[in-house]
Amino acid sequence: MSDLTPSLSRAEIEEFWESWLDINRQAERTGDWRVMADHYAEDANYGWMYSHDEHFMAVGREQIRDWAIGIEMDGFDGWHYDYVCTMIDEKKSMVLGFWKQRSGIVNDETGEEYEILGIGGSWFGVERQTSGADAGQIKIAWQRDWFDMPSTTHTFMEILKADKASETLLKRMSVFGHEVPGHYHLKDIPSPVWPPPVEAGDHITQAPAPEAAQ
């Protein structure tokens, strides 16, 4: 259970964020992203969009561990997600992290890593937990990622054409479609596309425009 009222100082969020960057680097070194799971609240939700009617969503820490940073990240050995810019809003207890997704696989023609172009990032809501084993700790309450799917497909195809894909990456490339755990049709998604407090209207910045005259 998490506190619904933001009560975190900027210094607390910054300290938590540094620990998040550290655990990301650990995951990149080992190729096992599941070590990041304990940064999430027990009831956290984490999602992103593959297409208009294929959405990924994990609800609860164990689904995040097994699906979001488990099945979805297996095969990305050597890949790294370097945060190039971060914005923190302590009033909303939110963090925006913009990252570049690089493969660790060198393009022989350019001498540079294959990289998924476009702006990618993660949007986090962080909260102090008020009960259970995590009481008093800051955890990620929700996360939403975005990335350029056409660019992702293009980069994967370039790696394949160059015969640079490892067996584990080839296996990961075969993981897609609604039969994969956590992949939902929009009508079936268990948590909204927009983070729950945003979907609920808790952070409205601009009122909807008046309806067009009939």
N, C-alpha and C. Protein backbone atom coordinates (compact mmCIF):
# COMPACT_ATOMS: atom_id res chain seq x y z
N MET A 1 0.85 -1.19 0.00
CA MET A 1 0.00 0.00 0.00
C MET A 1 0.89 1.23 0.00
N SER A 2 0.57 2.23 -0.82
CA SER A 2 1.41 3.40 -0.92
C SER A 2 0.64 4.64 -0.53
N ASP A 3 1.39 5.66 -0.15
CA ASP A 3 0.81 6.93 0.26
C ASP A 3 0.31 7.68 -0.96
N LEU A 4 -0.96 8.10 -0.96
CA LEU A 4 -1.52 8.78 -2.11
C LEU A 4 -1.12 10.25 -2.15
N THR A 5 -0.60 10.80 -1.08
CA THR A 5 -0.23 12.20 -1.02
C THR A 5 1.28 12.34 -1.20
N PRO A 6 1.73 13.05 -2.26
CA PRO A 6 3.17 13.23 -2.43
C PRO A 6 3.79 13.85 -1.18
N SER A 7 4.84 13.22 -0.68
CA SER A 7 5.47 13.72 0.54
C SER A 7 6.97 13.51 0.49
N LEU A 8 7.52 13.56 -0.70
CA LEU A 8 8.94 13.31 -0.88
C LEU A 8 9.66 14.61 -1.21
N SER A 9 10.81 14.79 -0.63
CA SER A 9 11.63 15.95 -0.97
C SER A 9 12.39 15.66 -2.25
N ARG A 10 12.87 16.70 -2.88
CA ARG A 10 13.67 16.52 -4.08
C ARG A 10 14.93 15.71 -3.77
N ALA A 11 15.54 15.98 -2.62
CA ALA A 11 16.75 15.25 -2.25
C ALA A 11 16.48 13.75 -2.13
N GLU A 12 15.32 13.39 -1.57
CA GLU A 12 14.98 11.98 -1.44
C GLU A 12 14.80 11.34 -2.81
N ILE A 13 14.12 12.05 -3.70
CA ILE A 13 13.91 11.50 -5.05
C ILE A 13 15.24 11.38 -5.79
N GLU A 14 16.10 12.37 -5.65
CA GLU A 14 17.40 12.31 -6.31
C GLU A 14 18.23 11.14 -5.79
N GLU A 15 18.17 10.90 -4.49
CA GLU A 15 18.91 9.76 -3.92
C GLU A 15 18.37 8.44 -4.45
N PHE A 16 17.04 8.34 -4.52
CA PHE A 16 16.43 7.14 -5.07
C PHE A 16 16.83 6.97 -6.54
N TRP A 17 16.83 8.06 -7.28
CA TRP A 17 17.17 8.00 -8.70
C TRP A 17 18.61 7.51 -8.91
N GLU A 18 19.53 7.96 -8.08
CA GLU A 18 20.91 7.49 -8.19
C GLU A 18 21.00 5.99 -7.95
N SER A 19 20.20 5.49 -7.01
CA SER A 19 20.20 4.04 -6.76
C SER A 19 19.62 3.29 -7.96
N TRP A 20 18.65 3.93 -8.63
CA TRP A 20 18.06 3.33 -9.83
C TRP A 20 19.09 3.26 -10.96
N LEU A 21 19.86 4.32 -11.16
CA LEU A 21 20.90 4.31 -12.18
C LEU A 21 21.94 3.23 -11.87
N ASP A 22 22.28 3.08 -10.60
CA ASP A 22 23.27 2.07 -10.21
C ASP A 22 22.77 0.66 -10.51
N ILE A 23 21.51 0.37 -10.19
CA ILE A 23 21.00 -0.98 -10.42
C ILE A 23 20.84 -1.25 -11.91
N ASN A 24 20.57 -0.21 -12.69
CA ASN A 24 20.54 -0.37 -14.14
C ASN A 24 21.90 -0.82 -14.67
N ARG A 25 22.95 -0.18 -14.20
CA ARG A 25 24.29 -0.56 -14.65
C ARG A 25 24.63 -1.99 -14.24
N GLN A 26 24.20 -2.38 -13.04
CA GLN A 26 24.43 -3.76 -12.60
C GLN A 26 23.73 -4.73 -13.53
N ALA A 27 22.50 -4.41 -13.90
CA ALA A 27 21.75 -5.28 -14.80
C ALA A 27 22.42 -5.38 -16.16
N GLU A 28 22.92 -4.26 -16.65
CA GLU A 28 23.59 -4.26 -17.94
C GLU A 28 24.85 -5.12 -17.91
N ARG A 29 25.58 -5.08 -16.80
CA ARG A 29 26.82 -5.85 -16.69
C ARG A 29 26.54 -7.35 -16.69
N THR A 30 25.49 -7.76 -16.00
CA THR A 30 25.21 -9.18 -15.83
C THR A 30 24.27 -9.75 -16.90
N GLY A 31 23.49 -8.87 -17.54
CA GLY A 31 22.49 -9.33 -18.50
C GLY A 31 21.23 -9.84 -17.83
N ASP A 32 21.14 -9.71 -16.50
CA ASP A 32 19.94 -10.14 -15.77
C ASP A 32 19.27 -8.90 -15.20
N TRP A 33 18.17 -8.50 -15.83
CA TRP A 33 17.49 -7.26 -15.46
C TRP A 33 16.57 -7.44 -14.26
N ARG A 34 16.37 -8.68 -13.84
CA ARG A 34 15.44 -8.95 -12.74
C ARG A 34 15.91 -8.36 -11.42
N VAL A 35 17.20 -8.04 -11.32
CA VAL A 35 17.72 -7.45 -10.07
C VAL A 35 17.07 -6.09 -9.80
N MET A 36 16.43 -5.49 -10.82
CA MET A 36 15.81 -4.19 -10.65
C MET A 36 14.44 -4.26 -9.99
N ALA A 37 13.90 -5.46 -9.82
CA ALA A 37 12.51 -5.61 -9.39
C ALA A 37 12.24 -5.01 -8.02
N ASP A 38 13.20 -5.07 -7.12
CA ASP A 38 12.95 -4.59 -5.76
C ASP A 38 12.84 -3.08 -5.67
N HIS A 39 13.09 -2.37 -6.76
CA HIS A 39 12.87 -0.92 -6.77
C HIS A 39 11.39 -0.57 -6.99
N TYR A 40 10.58 -1.60 -7.29
CA TYR A 40 9.16 -1.37 -7.54
C TYR A 40 8.32 -1.70 -6.31
N ALA A 41 7.22 -0.98 -6.15
CA ALA A 41 6.27 -1.28 -5.08
C ALA A 41 5.60 -2.62 -5.35
N GLU A 42 5.10 -3.23 -4.28
CA GLU A 42 4.42 -4.52 -4.42
C GLU A 42 3.27 -4.44 -5.42
N ASP A 43 2.56 -3.30 -5.46
CA ASP A 43 1.39 -3.15 -6.32
C ASP A 43 1.66 -2.25 -7.53
N ALA A 44 2.93 -2.10 -7.90
CA ALA A 44 3.29 -1.23 -9.02
C ALA A 44 2.73 -1.77 -10.34
N ASN A 45 2.61 -0.88 -11.32
CA ASN A 45 2.24 -1.28 -12.67
C ASN A 45 3.20 -0.65 -13.66
N TYR A 46 3.48 -1.38 -14.75
CA TYR A 46 4.54 -0.99 -15.69
C TYR A 46 4.10 -1.39 -17.08
N GLY A 47 4.02 -0.41 -17.98
CA GLY A 47 3.55 -0.74 -19.32
C GLY A 47 4.17 0.10 -20.41
N TRP A 48 3.94 -0.35 -21.65
CA TRP A 48 4.32 0.39 -22.84
C TRP A 48 3.47 -0.10 -24.00
N MET A 49 3.63 0.53 -25.15
CA MET A 49 2.77 0.27 -26.30
C MET A 49 3.60 -0.26 -27.46
N TYR A 50 3.17 -1.39 -28.04
CA TYR A 50 3.79 -1.92 -29.25
C TYR A 50 3.05 -1.43 -30.50
N SER A 51 1.73 -1.39 -30.42
CA SER A 51 0.91 -0.90 -31.52
C SER A 51 -0.41 -0.42 -30.92
N HIS A 52 -1.30 0.08 -31.77
CA HIS A 52 -2.55 0.62 -31.25
C HIS A 52 -3.35 -0.42 -30.50
N ASP A 53 -3.17 -1.71 -30.81
CA ASP A 53 -3.95 -2.75 -30.14
C ASP A 53 -3.08 -3.86 -29.57
N GLU A 54 -1.81 -3.57 -29.35
CA GLU A 54 -0.95 -4.49 -28.60
C GLU A 54 -0.18 -3.68 -27.58
N HIS A 55 -0.57 -3.87 -26.33
CA HIS A 55 0.02 -3.13 -25.22
C HIS A 55 0.63 -4.13 -24.24
N PHE A 56 1.77 -3.77 -23.70
CA PHE A 56 2.34 -4.57 -22.62
C PHE A 56 1.96 -3.95 -21.29
N MET A 57 1.61 -4.80 -20.33
CA MET A 57 1.34 -4.30 -18.98
C MET A 57 1.64 -5.40 -17.97
N ALA A 58 2.42 -5.05 -16.97
CA ALA A 58 2.67 -5.93 -15.83
C ALA A 58 2.11 -5.25 -14.59
N VAL A 59 1.39 -5.99 -13.79
CA VAL A 59 0.77 -5.44 -12.58
C VAL A 59 1.28 -6.22 -11.37
N GLY A 60 1.93 -5.53 -10.48
CA GLY A 60 2.51 -6.17 -9.30
C GLY A 60 3.99 -6.45 -9.51
N ARG A 61 4.73 -6.41 -8.41
CA ARG A 61 6.18 -6.58 -8.47
C ARG A 61 6.60 -7.87 -9.14
N GLU A 62 5.90 -8.97 -8.86
CA GLU A 62 6.35 -10.25 -9.40
C GLU A 62 6.10 -10.35 -10.90
N GLN A 63 5.01 -9.76 -11.41
CA GLN A 63 4.83 -9.72 -12.86
C GLN A 63 5.89 -8.84 -13.50
N ILE A 64 6.24 -7.74 -12.85
CA ILE A 64 7.30 -6.88 -13.37
C ILE A 64 8.61 -7.67 -13.42
N ARG A 65 8.90 -8.40 -12.35
CA ARG A 65 10.13 -9.20 -12.31
C ARG A 65 10.14 -10.26 -13.40
N ASP A 66 9.03 -10.99 -13.55
CA ASP A 66 8.98 -12.13 -14.45
C ASP A 66 8.74 -11.74 -15.91
N TRP A 67 7.96 -10.69 -16.13
CA TRP A 67 7.57 -10.32 -17.50
C TRP A 67 8.32 -9.10 -18.02
N ALA A 68 8.16 -7.95 -17.33
CA ALA A 68 8.68 -6.69 -17.88
C ALA A 68 10.21 -6.68 -17.94
N ILE A 69 10.86 -7.11 -16.86
CA ILE A 69 12.32 -7.14 -16.85
C ILE A 69 12.83 -8.58 -16.87
N GLY A 70 11.92 -9.51 -17.19
CA GLY A 70 12.26 -10.91 -17.35
C GLY A 70 12.15 -11.29 -18.81
N ILE A 71 11.00 -11.82 -19.19
CA ILE A 71 10.79 -12.27 -20.57
C ILE A 71 11.11 -11.18 -21.59
N GLU A 72 10.65 -9.96 -21.32
CA GLU A 72 10.80 -8.88 -22.30
C GLU A 72 12.26 -8.44 -22.48
N MET A 73 13.10 -8.68 -21.47
CA MET A 73 14.49 -8.23 -21.55
C MET A 73 15.48 -9.36 -21.77
N ASP A 74 15.05 -10.60 -21.67
CA ASP A 74 15.96 -11.71 -21.93
C ASP A 74 16.47 -11.62 -23.38
N GLY A 75 17.75 -11.83 -23.54
CA GLY A 75 18.34 -11.78 -24.88
C GLY A 75 19.05 -10.48 -25.19
N PHE A 76 18.84 -9.46 -24.34
CA PHE A 76 19.48 -8.18 -24.59
C PHE A 76 20.83 -8.07 -23.87
N ASP A 77 21.59 -9.15 -23.90
CA ASP A 77 22.92 -9.14 -23.30
C ASP A 77 23.79 -8.12 -24.04
N GLY A 78 24.46 -7.27 -23.29
CA GLY A 78 25.34 -6.29 -23.90
C GLY A 78 24.66 -4.99 -24.29
N TRP A 79 23.33 -4.98 -24.29
CA TRP A 79 22.61 -3.74 -24.61
C TRP A 79 22.69 -2.80 -23.41
N HIS A 80 22.64 -1.51 -23.68
CA HIS A 80 22.65 -0.55 -22.57
C HIS A 80 21.71 0.61 -22.90
N TYR A 81 21.12 1.13 -21.84
CA TYR A 81 20.10 2.16 -21.93
C TYR A 81 20.60 3.38 -21.15
N ASP A 82 21.37 4.18 -21.82
CA ASP A 82 22.04 5.29 -21.15
C ASP A 82 21.08 6.47 -21.01
N TYR A 83 20.82 6.84 -19.76
CA TYR A 83 19.97 8.01 -19.51
C TYR A 83 20.75 9.27 -19.88
N VAL A 84 20.26 10.01 -20.87
CA VAL A 84 20.96 11.19 -21.34
C VAL A 84 20.38 12.48 -20.78
N CYS A 85 19.19 12.38 -20.20
CA CYS A 85 18.57 13.56 -19.57
C CYS A 85 17.52 13.08 -18.58
N THR A 86 17.46 13.75 -17.45
CA THR A 86 16.48 13.42 -16.42
C THR A 86 15.81 14.69 -15.93
N MET A 87 14.50 14.61 -15.72
CA MET A 87 13.76 15.72 -15.12
C MET A 87 12.99 15.19 -13.92
N ILE A 88 13.08 15.89 -12.80
CA ILE A 88 12.42 15.49 -11.56
C ILE A 88 11.41 16.55 -11.16
N ASP A 89 10.20 16.11 -10.85
CA ASP A 89 9.16 17.02 -10.35
C ASP A 89 8.78 16.53 -8.96
N GLU A 90 9.35 17.16 -7.93
CA GLU A 90 9.07 16.70 -6.56
C GLU A 90 7.65 17.03 -6.13
N LYS A 91 7.01 18.01 -6.76
CA LYS A 91 5.63 18.32 -6.39
C LYS A 91 4.67 17.21 -6.79
N LYS A 92 4.97 16.56 -7.91
CA LYS A 92 4.13 15.46 -8.38
C LYS A 92 4.74 14.09 -8.04
N SER A 93 5.94 14.07 -7.48
CA SER A 93 6.67 12.83 -7.22
C SER A 93 6.83 12.01 -8.50
N MET A 94 7.26 12.70 -9.55
CA MET A 94 7.47 12.06 -10.85
C MET A 94 8.89 12.28 -11.34
N VAL A 95 9.37 11.33 -12.13
CA VAL A 95 10.66 11.44 -12.78
C VAL A 95 10.49 11.09 -14.24
N LEU A 96 11.11 11.88 -15.12
CA LEU A 96 11.19 11.55 -16.54
C LEU A 96 12.64 11.26 -16.87
N GLY A 97 12.89 10.07 -17.40
CA GLY A 97 14.24 9.71 -17.81
C GLY A 97 14.28 9.41 -19.30
N PHE A 98 15.10 10.13 -20.03
CA PHE A 98 15.23 9.94 -21.47
C PHE A 98 16.49 9.12 -21.73
N TRP A 99 16.36 8.02 -22.46
CA TRP A 99 17.52 7.16 -22.69
C TRP A 99 17.73 6.86 -24.17
N LYS A 100 18.98 6.54 -24.48
CA LYS A 100 19.34 6.03 -25.79
C LYS A 100 19.55 4.53 -25.66
N GLN A 101 18.98 3.80 -26.60
CA GLN A 101 19.01 2.33 -26.56
C GLN A 101 20.08 1.84 -27.54
N ARG A 102 21.21 1.40 -26.97
CA ARG A 102 22.34 0.96 -27.78
C ARG A 102 22.60 -0.52 -27.56
N SER A 103 23.06 -1.19 -28.60
CA SER A 103 23.07 -2.66 -28.62
C SER A 103 24.35 -3.30 -28.11
N GLY A 104 25.45 -2.56 -28.09
CA GLY A 104 26.73 -3.20 -27.79
C GLY A 104 27.26 -4.01 -28.95
N ILE A 105 26.54 -4.03 -30.06
CA ILE A 105 26.94 -4.76 -31.27
C ILE A 105 27.47 -3.75 -32.28
N VAL A 106 28.69 -3.95 -32.75
CA VAL A 106 29.34 -2.96 -33.61
C VAL A 106 28.99 -3.20 -35.08
N ASN A 107 28.61 -2.13 -35.73
CA ASN A 107 28.38 -2.15 -37.17
C ASN A 107 29.75 -2.09 -37.85
N ASP A 108 30.11 -3.13 -38.62
CA ASP A 108 31.44 -3.19 -39.22
C ASP A 108 31.67 -2.06 -40.22
N GLU A 109 30.62 -1.56 -40.83
CA GLU A 109 30.77 -0.51 -41.84
C GLU A 109 31.04 0.85 -41.21
N THR A 110 30.42 1.12 -40.07
CA THR A 110 30.56 2.44 -39.45
C THR A 110 31.49 2.44 -38.24
N GLY A 111 31.71 1.27 -37.66
CA GLY A 111 32.52 1.18 -36.45
C GLY A 111 31.78 1.63 -35.21
N GLU A 112 30.49 1.89 -35.34
CA GLU A 112 29.68 2.34 -34.21
C GLU A 112 28.66 1.27 -33.83
N GLU A 113 28.14 1.38 -32.62
CA GLU A 113 27.12 0.43 -32.17
C GLU A 113 25.82 0.62 -32.95
N TYR A 114 25.13 -0.48 -33.16
CA TYR A 114 23.76 -0.37 -33.64
C TYR A 114 22.94 0.29 -32.54
N GLU A 115 22.16 1.27 -32.92
CA GLU A 115 21.37 2.03 -31.96
C GLU A 115 19.95 2.19 -32.48
N ILE A 116 18.99 2.09 -31.59
CA ILE A 116 17.60 2.35 -31.96
C ILE A 116 17.40 3.85 -31.91
N LEU A 117 17.12 4.44 -33.07
CA LEU A 117 17.00 5.88 -33.15
C LEU A 117 15.63 6.34 -32.64
N GLY A 118 15.47 7.63 -32.55
CA GLY A 118 14.25 8.17 -31.97
C GLY A 118 14.44 8.38 -30.48
N ILE A 119 13.55 9.15 -29.90
CA ILE A 119 13.64 9.49 -28.48
C ILE A 119 12.92 8.41 -27.66
N GLY A 120 13.65 7.78 -26.77
CA GLY A 120 13.07 6.78 -25.88
C GLY A 120 13.16 7.24 -24.45
N GLY A 121 12.28 6.72 -23.62
CA GLY A 121 12.35 7.13 -22.23
C GLY A 121 11.38 6.39 -21.34
N SER A 122 11.45 6.73 -20.07
CA SER A 122 10.59 6.15 -19.05
C SER A 122 10.04 7.25 -18.17
N TRP A 123 8.77 7.12 -17.83
CA TRP A 123 8.06 8.08 -16.98
C TRP A 123 7.69 7.33 -15.70
N PHE A 124 8.17 7.83 -14.56
CA PHE A 124 8.00 7.14 -13.29
C PHE A 124 7.17 7.97 -12.31
N GLY A 125 6.37 7.27 -11.52
CA GLY A 125 5.78 7.84 -10.32
C GLY A 125 6.40 7.15 -9.13
N VAL A 126 6.93 7.91 -8.18
CA VAL A 126 7.57 7.31 -7.01
C VAL A 126 6.81 7.69 -5.76
N GLU A 127 6.73 6.76 -4.82
CA GLU A 127 5.96 6.99 -3.60
C GLU A 127 6.63 6.33 -2.41
N ARG A 128 6.43 6.92 -1.25
CA ARG A 128 6.87 6.30 0.00
C ARG A 128 5.83 5.27 0.42
N GLN A 129 6.28 4.08 0.70
CA GLN A 129 5.37 3.02 1.10
C GLN A 129 5.00 3.17 2.58
N THR A 130 3.75 2.87 2.89
CA THR A 130 3.25 3.14 4.24
C THR A 130 2.92 1.87 5.03
N SER A 131 3.04 0.72 4.41
CA SER A 131 2.73 -0.51 5.14
C SER A 131 3.51 -1.67 4.54
N GLY A 132 3.47 -2.81 5.23
CA GLY A 132 4.14 -4.00 4.75
C GLY A 132 5.64 -3.93 4.95
N ALA A 133 6.34 -4.87 4.32
CA ALA A 133 7.80 -4.97 4.48
C ALA A 133 8.53 -3.76 3.94
N ASP A 134 7.90 -3.02 3.02
CA ASP A 134 8.55 -1.86 2.40
C ASP A 134 8.21 -0.54 3.09
N ALA A 135 7.50 -0.58 4.20
CA ALA A 135 7.06 0.65 4.86
C ALA A 135 8.22 1.60 5.09
N GLY A 136 8.02 2.86 4.70
CA GLY A 136 9.04 3.89 4.86
C GLY A 136 9.98 4.02 3.68
N GLN A 137 10.00 3.03 2.80
CA GLN A 137 10.90 3.06 1.66
C GLN A 137 10.26 3.74 0.45
N ILE A 138 11.09 4.32 -0.39
CA ILE A 138 10.62 4.91 -1.64
C ILE A 138 10.69 3.84 -2.72
N LYS A 139 9.59 3.68 -3.45
CA LYS A 139 9.51 2.69 -4.51
C LYS A 139 8.84 3.30 -5.75
N ILE A 140 9.02 2.65 -6.88
CA ILE A 140 8.33 3.05 -8.11
C ILE A 140 6.91 2.53 -8.04
N ALA A 141 5.94 3.44 -8.11
CA ALA A 141 4.53 3.06 -8.05
C ALA A 141 3.99 2.70 -9.44
N TRP A 142 4.50 3.38 -10.45
CA TRP A 142 4.11 3.08 -11.83
C TRP A 142 5.21 3.55 -12.77
N GLN A 143 5.25 2.92 -13.94
CA GLN A 143 6.22 3.30 -14.96
C GLN A 143 5.57 3.11 -16.32
N ARG A 144 5.82 4.06 -17.21
CA ARG A 144 5.39 3.96 -18.60
C ARG A 144 6.58 4.28 -19.49
N ASP A 145 6.86 3.40 -20.44
CA ASP A 145 7.96 3.60 -21.38
C ASP A 145 7.43 4.00 -22.75
N TRP A 146 8.27 4.68 -23.52
CA TRP A 146 7.95 4.93 -24.92
C TRP A 146 9.23 4.80 -25.74
N PHE A 147 9.07 4.38 -27.00
CA PHE A 147 10.20 4.22 -27.91
C PHE A 147 9.64 4.19 -29.32
N ASP A 148 10.53 4.34 -30.28
CA ASP A 148 10.12 4.39 -31.68
C ASP A 148 10.09 2.96 -32.23
N MET A 149 8.88 2.38 -32.36
CA MET A 149 8.76 0.99 -32.79
C MET A 149 9.27 0.76 -34.21
N PRO A 150 8.95 1.61 -35.19
CA PRO A 150 9.50 1.39 -36.54
C PRO A 150 11.04 1.40 -36.55
N SER A 151 11.63 2.31 -35.76
CA SER A 151 13.09 2.35 -35.68
C SER A 151 13.64 1.10 -35.02
N THR A 152 12.93 0.59 -34.00
CA THR A 152 13.34 -0.65 -33.34
C THR A 152 13.37 -1.79 -34.35
N THR A 153 12.29 -1.91 -35.12
CA THR A 153 12.22 -2.97 -36.14
C THR A 153 13.34 -2.83 -37.14
N HIS A 154 13.60 -1.60 -37.59
CA HIS A 154 14.67 -1.36 -38.56
C HIS A 154 16.03 -1.80 -38.02
N THR A 155 16.33 -1.42 -36.78
CA THR A 155 17.63 -1.76 -36.19
C THR A 155 17.77 -3.27 -36.04
N PHE A 156 16.72 -3.94 -35.58
CA PHE A 156 16.77 -5.39 -35.48
C PHE A 156 17.04 -6.03 -36.84
N MET A 157 16.40 -5.53 -37.88
CA MET A 157 16.59 -6.08 -39.23
C MET A 157 18.02 -5.85 -39.72
N GLU A 158 18.59 -4.69 -39.40
CA GLU A 158 19.97 -4.41 -39.79
C GLU A 158 20.94 -5.36 -39.09
N ILE A 159 20.68 -5.64 -37.81
CA ILE A 159 21.53 -6.59 -37.07
C ILE A 159 21.41 -7.98 -37.67
N LEU A 160 20.19 -8.36 -38.03
CA LEU A 160 19.98 -9.67 -38.66
C LEU A 160 20.69 -9.76 -40.01
N LYS A 161 20.56 -8.74 -40.83
CA LYS A 161 21.18 -8.75 -42.16
C LYS A 161 22.70 -8.85 -42.06
N ALA A 162 23.26 -8.27 -41.01
CA ALA A 162 24.71 -8.31 -40.82
C ALA A 162 25.16 -9.60 -40.14
N ASP A 163 24.21 -10.49 -39.85
CA ASP A 163 24.50 -11.75 -39.16
C ASP A 163 25.20 -11.51 -37.83
N LYS A 164 24.71 -10.49 -37.11
CA LYS A 164 25.32 -10.10 -35.85
C LYS A 164 24.47 -10.48 -34.63
N ALA A 165 23.31 -11.06 -34.87
CA ALA A 165 22.41 -11.38 -33.76
C ALA A 165 22.87 -12.65 -33.05
N SER A 166 22.96 -12.57 -31.72
CA SER A 166 23.29 -13.76 -30.93
C SER A 166 22.08 -14.70 -30.89
N GLU A 167 22.31 -15.91 -30.44
CA GLU A 167 21.21 -16.86 -30.32
C GLU A 167 20.16 -16.36 -29.33
N THR A 168 20.62 -15.74 -28.25
CA THR A 168 19.67 -15.22 -27.26
C THR A 168 18.86 -14.06 -27.82
N LEU A 169 19.49 -13.22 -28.65
CA LEU A 169 18.74 -12.12 -29.25
C LEU A 169 17.75 -12.64 -30.29
N LEU A 170 18.16 -13.66 -31.06
CA LEU A 170 17.24 -14.26 -32.03
C LEU A 170 16.01 -14.82 -31.33
N LYS A 171 16.24 -15.44 -30.18
CA LYS A 171 15.12 -15.99 -29.41
C LYS A 171 14.21 -14.87 -28.94
N ARG A 172 14.81 -13.76 -28.47
CA ARG A 172 14.01 -12.63 -28.01
C ARG A 172 13.18 -12.04 -29.15
N MET A 173 13.74 -11.98 -30.34
CA MET A 173 13.03 -11.42 -31.47
C MET A 173 11.78 -12.22 -31.83
N SER A 174 11.75 -13.46 -31.39
CA SER A 174 10.59 -14.31 -31.68
C SER A 174 9.47 -14.11 -30.67
N VAL A 175 9.73 -13.29 -29.63
CA VAL A 175 8.74 -13.08 -28.57
C VAL A 175 7.89 -11.86 -28.93
N PHE A 176 6.72 -12.12 -29.50
CA PHE A 176 5.80 -11.03 -29.82
C PHE A 176 4.41 -11.61 -29.97
N GLY A 177 3.42 -10.74 -29.97
CA GLY A 177 2.04 -11.19 -30.15
C GLY A 177 1.29 -11.31 -28.84
N HIS A 178 -0.01 -11.40 -28.96
CA HIS A 178 -0.88 -11.37 -27.79
C HIS A 178 -0.79 -12.64 -26.93
N GLU A 179 -0.17 -13.68 -27.46
CA GLU A 179 -0.05 -14.90 -26.65
C GLU A 179 1.08 -14.81 -25.63
N VAL A 180 1.94 -13.80 -25.72
CA VAL A 180 3.05 -13.64 -24.79
C VAL A 180 2.52 -13.04 -23.48
N PRO A 181 2.96 -13.53 -22.32
CA PRO A 181 2.50 -12.97 -21.04
C PRO A 181 2.69 -11.46 -20.98
N GLY A 182 1.63 -10.76 -20.58
CA GLY A 182 1.70 -9.32 -20.45
C GLY A 182 1.30 -8.55 -21.69
N HIS A 183 1.06 -9.24 -22.81
CA HIS A 183 0.65 -8.56 -24.04
C HIS A 183 -0.87 -8.60 -24.14
N TYR A 184 -1.49 -7.44 -24.26
CA TYR A 184 -2.94 -7.32 -24.21
C TYR A 184 -3.49 -6.54 -25.40
N HIS A 185 -4.71 -6.87 -25.78
CA HIS A 185 -5.49 -5.97 -26.61
C HIS A 185 -5.86 -4.77 -25.73
N LEU A 186 -6.06 -3.62 -26.37
CA LEU A 186 -6.34 -2.41 -25.61
C LEU A 186 -7.54 -2.59 -24.68
N LYS A 187 -8.57 -3.26 -25.14
CA LYS A 187 -9.78 -3.41 -24.33
C LYS A 187 -9.56 -4.27 -23.10
N ASP A 188 -8.49 -5.05 -23.09
CA ASP A 188 -8.24 -5.99 -21.99
C ASP A 188 -7.13 -5.53 -21.05
N ILE A 189 -6.51 -4.41 -21.32
CA ILE A 189 -5.34 -3.99 -20.54
C ILE A 189 -5.74 -3.80 -19.06
N PRO A 190 -4.96 -4.37 -18.11
CA PRO A 190 -5.37 -4.34 -16.70
C PRO A 190 -5.04 -3.04 -15.97
N SER A 191 -4.26 -2.17 -16.56
CA SER A 191 -3.99 -0.85 -16.00
C SER A 191 -3.98 0.10 -17.18
N PRO A 192 -4.41 1.35 -17.01
CA PRO A 192 -4.58 2.24 -18.17
C PRO A 192 -3.27 2.57 -18.88
N VAL A 193 -3.38 2.93 -20.15
CA VAL A 193 -2.21 3.34 -20.93
C VAL A 193 -1.51 4.51 -20.24
N TRP A 194 -2.28 5.53 -19.87
CA TRP A 194 -1.74 6.63 -19.08
C TRP A 194 -1.62 6.15 -17.63
N PRO A 195 -0.62 6.62 -16.87
CA PRO A 195 -0.49 6.20 -15.48
C PRO A 195 -1.79 6.44 -14.72
N PRO A 196 -2.14 5.57 -13.78
CA PRO A 196 -3.43 5.69 -13.08
C PRO A 196 -3.76 7.07 -12.54
N PRO A 197 -2.85 7.78 -11.84
CA PRO A 197 -3.25 9.09 -11.31
C PRO A 197 -3.48 10.12 -12.41
N VAL A 198 -2.78 9.97 -13.52
CA VAL A 198 -2.97 10.89 -14.64
C VAL A 198 -4.28 10.59 -15.34
N GLU A 199 -4.56 9.32 -15.55
CA GLU A 199 -5.83 8.91 -16.16
C GLU A 199 -7.01 9.37 -15.29
N ALA A 200 -6.81 9.37 -13.98
CA ALA A 200 -7.87 9.78 -13.05
C ALA A 200 -8.07 11.29 -13.02
N GLY A 201 -7.17 12.05 -13.67
CA GLY A 201 -7.31 13.50 -13.71
C GLY A 201 -6.66 14.23 -12.56
N ASP A 202 -5.75 13.57 -11.84
CA ASP A 202 -5.15 14.21 -10.67
C ASP A 202 -4.16 15.31 -11.02
N HIS A 203 -3.72 15.36 -12.28
CA HIS A 203 -2.67 16.32 -12.63
C HIS A 203 -3.04 17.13 -13.87
N ILE A 204 -4.31 17.45 -14.02
CA ILE A 204 -4.76 18.19 -15.20
C ILE A 204 -4.03 19.53 -15.30
N THR A 205 -3.40 19.77 -16.42
CA THR A 205 -2.71 21.03 -16.68
C THR A 205 -3.57 21.98 -17.51
N GLN A 206 -4.31 21.41 -18.44
CA GLN A 206 -5.15 22.23 -19.32
C GLN A 206 -6.49 21.54 -19.49
N ALA A 207 -7.55 22.27 -19.25
CA ALA A 207 -8.88 21.69 -19.38
C ALA A 207 -9.14 21.31 -20.83
N PRO A 208 -9.93 20.25 -21.05
CA PRO A 208 -10.24 19.88 -22.43
C PRO A 208 -10.89 21.05 -23.18
N ALA A 209 -10.64 21.10 -24.48
CA ALA A 209 -11.22 22.15 -25.30
C ALA A 209 -12.73 21.95 -25.35
N PRO A 210 -13.51 23.05 -25.46
CA PRO A 210 -14.97 22.91 -25.59
C PRO A 210 -15.32 22.06 -26.82
N GLU A 211 -16.43 21.34 -26.72
CA GLU A 211 -16.83 20.52 -27.85
C GLU A 211 -17.15 21.43 -29.05
N ALA A 212 -16.78 20.92 -30.21
CA ALA A 212 -17.05 21.70 -31.43
C ALA A 212 -18.55 21.91 -31.61
N ALA A 213 -18.89 23.05 -32.12
CA ALA A 213 -20.31 23.33 -32.36
C ALA A 213 -20.89 22.35 -33.34
N GLN A 214 -22.10 21.89 -33.05
CA GLN A 214 -22.76 20.92 -33.93
C GLN A 214 -23.38 21.63 -35.12
